[in-house]
Amino acid sequence: MNIFVAGLSYQITEPDLRELFEEYGTVSSAKIITDKFSGRSRGFGFVEMDVETEGQRAIEQLNEAEYDGRTLTVSVARPRKEQQSRDRY
């Protein structure tokens, strides 16, 4: 199960994110999305959990929870939409 996590503090690291979700089950990966130019966190990331019931429990418990002074938004990740190229005239 792929889980989207928004509202992360910019100081949170991938090991921190993994540890937070490991309270609810086995985490196969935790990734914080960073700006490609500055390398700074963009304040969101993704967590993959192998067992769907554990992932669902993590979503239920962590959505709208406070973590490191910020309120998290946690949900099932939706597939990424293909970016459409814009024609320039």
C-alpha atoms as a PDB file:
ATOM      1  CA  MET A   1       0.000   0.000   0.000  1.00  0.00           C
ATOM      2  CA  ASN A   2       1.392   3.377  -1.026  1.00  0.00           C
ATOM      3  CA  ILE A   3       0.582   6.189   1.421  1.00  0.00           C
ATOM      4  CA  PHE A   4       0.795   9.947   0.782  1.00  0.00           C
ATOM      5  CA  VAL A   5       1.895  12.096   3.740  1.00  0.00           C
ATOM      6  CA  ALA A   6       1.630  15.912   3.617  1.00  0.00           C
ATOM      7  CA  GLY A   7       2.228  18.621   6.190  1.00  0.00           C
ATOM      8  CA  LEU A   8       5.665  17.355   7.177  1.00  0.00           C
ATOM      9  CA  SER A   9       8.061  19.659   8.956  1.00  0.00           C
ATOM     10  CA  TYR A  10      11.021  20.543   6.726  1.00  0.00           C
ATOM     11  CA  GLN A  11      13.366  19.064   9.358  1.00  0.00           C
ATOM     12  CA  ILE A  12      11.839  15.558   9.199  1.00  0.00           C
ATOM     13  CA  THR A  13      14.172  12.942   7.688  1.00  0.00           C
ATOM     14  CA  GLU A  14      13.305   9.717   5.883  1.00  0.00           C
ATOM     15  CA  PRO A  15      14.373   7.647   8.940  1.00  0.00           C
ATOM     16  CA  ASP A  16      12.023   9.793  11.088  1.00  0.00           C
ATOM     17  CA  LEU A  17       9.157   9.157   8.669  1.00  0.00           C
ATOM     18  CA  ARG A  18       9.891   5.421   8.600  1.00  0.00           C
ATOM     19  CA  GLU A  19       9.989   5.269  12.409  1.00  0.00           C
ATOM     20  CA  LEU A  20       6.654   7.089  12.686  1.00  0.00           C
ATOM     21  CA  PHE A  21       4.907   4.552  10.433  1.00  0.00           C
ATOM     22  CA  GLU A  22       6.692   1.488  11.867  1.00  0.00           C
ATOM     23  CA  GLU A  23       4.523   1.929  14.969  1.00  0.00           C
ATOM     24  CA  TYR A  24       1.700   0.551  12.807  1.00  0.00           C
ATOM     25  CA  GLY A  25       3.492  -2.212  10.902  1.00  0.00           C
ATOM     26  CA  THR A  26       6.263  -3.084   8.488  1.00  0.00           C
ATOM     27  CA  VAL A  27       7.452  -0.246   6.269  1.00  0.00           C
ATOM     28  CA  SER A  28       9.073  -1.257   2.987  1.00  0.00           C
ATOM     29  CA  SER A  29      10.089   2.316   2.071  1.00  0.00           C
ATOM     30  CA  ALA A  30       9.793   5.924   3.211  1.00  0.00           C
ATOM     31  CA  LYS A  31      10.617   8.791   0.857  1.00  0.00           C
ATOM     32  CA  ILE A  32      10.527  12.528   1.461  1.00  0.00           C
ATOM     33  CA  ILE A  33      10.150  14.549  -1.727  1.00  0.00           C
ATOM     34  CA  THR A  34      12.772  17.256  -2.113  1.00  0.00           C
ATOM     35  CA  ASP A  35      13.176  20.239  -4.384  1.00  0.00           C
ATOM     36  CA  LYS A  36      15.468  19.234  -7.236  1.00  0.00           C
ATOM     37  CA  PHE A  37      17.359  22.527  -7.148  1.00  0.00           C
ATOM     38  CA  SER A  38      17.769  23.287  -3.446  1.00  0.00           C
ATOM     39  CA  GLY A  39      17.534  19.734  -2.078  1.00  0.00           C
ATOM     40  CA  ARG A  40      15.175  21.043   0.614  1.00  0.00           C
ATOM     41  CA  SER A  41      12.146  19.022   1.665  1.00  0.00           C
ATOM     42  CA  ARG A  42       8.907  20.005  -0.064  1.00  0.00           C
ATOM     43  CA  GLY A  43       6.915  19.040   3.056  1.00  0.00           C
ATOM     44  CA  PHE A  44       5.449  15.790   1.772  1.00  0.00           C
ATOM     45  CA  GLY A  45       6.432  12.226   1.109  1.00  0.00           C
ATOM     46  CA  PHE A  46       5.351   8.657   0.533  1.00  0.00           C
ATOM     47  CA  VAL A  47       5.451   5.550   2.691  1.00  0.00           C
ATOM     48  CA  GLU A  48       4.995   2.014   1.387  1.00  0.00           C
ATOM     49  CA  MET A  49       3.620  -0.656   3.683  1.00  0.00           C
ATOM     50  CA  ASP A  50       3.287  -4.267   2.536  1.00  0.00           C
ATOM     51  CA  VAL A  51       0.251  -5.198   4.645  1.00  0.00           C
ATOM     52  CA  GLU A  52      -2.848  -3.235   3.615  1.00  0.00           C
ATOM     53  CA  THR A  53      -4.550  -3.506   7.019  1.00  0.00           C
ATOM     54  CA  GLU A  54      -1.459  -2.032   8.711  1.00  0.00           C
ATOM     55  CA  GLY A  55      -1.361   0.773   6.162  1.00  0.00           C
ATOM     56  CA  GLN A  56      -5.045   1.523   6.630  1.00  0.00           C
ATOM     57  CA  ARG A  57      -4.585   1.643  10.403  1.00  0.00           C
ATOM     58  CA  ALA A  58      -1.638   4.036  10.011  1.00  0.00           C
ATOM     59  CA  ILE A  59      -3.750   6.299   7.782  1.00  0.00           C
ATOM     60  CA  GLU A  60      -6.626   6.307  10.268  1.00  0.00           C
ATOM     61  CA  GLN A  61      -4.364   7.045  13.243  1.00  0.00           C
ATOM     62  CA  LEU A  62      -2.027   9.586  11.644  1.00  0.00           C
ATOM     63  CA  ASN A  63      -4.378  11.627   9.434  1.00  0.00           C
ATOM     64  CA  GLU A  64      -4.843  15.023  11.115  1.00  0.00           C
ATOM     65  CA  ALA A  65      -2.432  14.018  13.895  1.00  0.00           C
ATOM     66  CA  GLU A  66       0.174  16.511  15.079  1.00  0.00           C
ATOM     67  CA  TYR A  67       3.788  15.565  14.443  1.00  0.00           C
ATOM     68  CA  ASP A  68       6.754  17.868  15.069  1.00  0.00           C
ATOM     69  CA  GLY A  69       4.416  20.830  15.504  1.00  0.00           C
ATOM     70  CA  ARG A  70       2.551  20.320  12.221  1.00  0.00           C
ATOM     71  CA  THR A  71      -0.767  18.672  11.380  1.00  0.00           C
ATOM     72  CA  LEU A  72      -0.336  15.754   9.000  1.00  0.00           C
ATOM     73  CA  THR A  73      -2.583  14.852   6.095  1.00  0.00           C
ATOM     74  CA  VAL A  74      -2.301  11.123   5.426  1.00  0.00           C
ATOM     75  CA  SER A  75      -4.154   9.222   2.694  1.00  0.00           C
ATOM     76  CA  VAL A  76      -3.840   6.458   0.143  1.00  0.00           C
ATOM     77  CA  ALA A  77      -1.567   7.730  -2.626  1.00  0.00           C
ATOM     78  CA  ARG A  78      -3.276   8.212  -5.963  1.00  0.00           C
ATOM     79  CA  PRO A  79      -1.474   7.276  -9.166  1.00  0.00           C
ATOM     80  CA  ARG A  80       0.457  10.182 -10.593  1.00  0.00           C
ATOM     81  CA  LYS A  81      -1.254  11.864 -13.517  1.00  0.00           C
ATOM     82  CA  GLU A  82       0.839  12.149 -16.620  1.00  0.00           C
ATOM     83  CA  GLN A  83       1.922  15.699 -17.091  1.00  0.00           C
ATOM     84  CA  GLN A  84       0.613  17.209 -20.236  1.00  0.00           C
ATOM     85  CA  SER A  85       3.027  19.189 -22.296  1.00  0.00           C
ATOM     86  CA  ARG A  86       1.859  22.669 -23.113  1.00  0.00           C
ATOM     87  CA  ASP A  87       2.081  23.942 -26.632  1.00  0.00           C
ATOM     88  CA  ARG A  88       3.619  27.374 -26.773  1.00  0.00           C
ATOM     89  CA  TYR A  89       2.551  29.772 -29.467  1.00  0.00           C
END
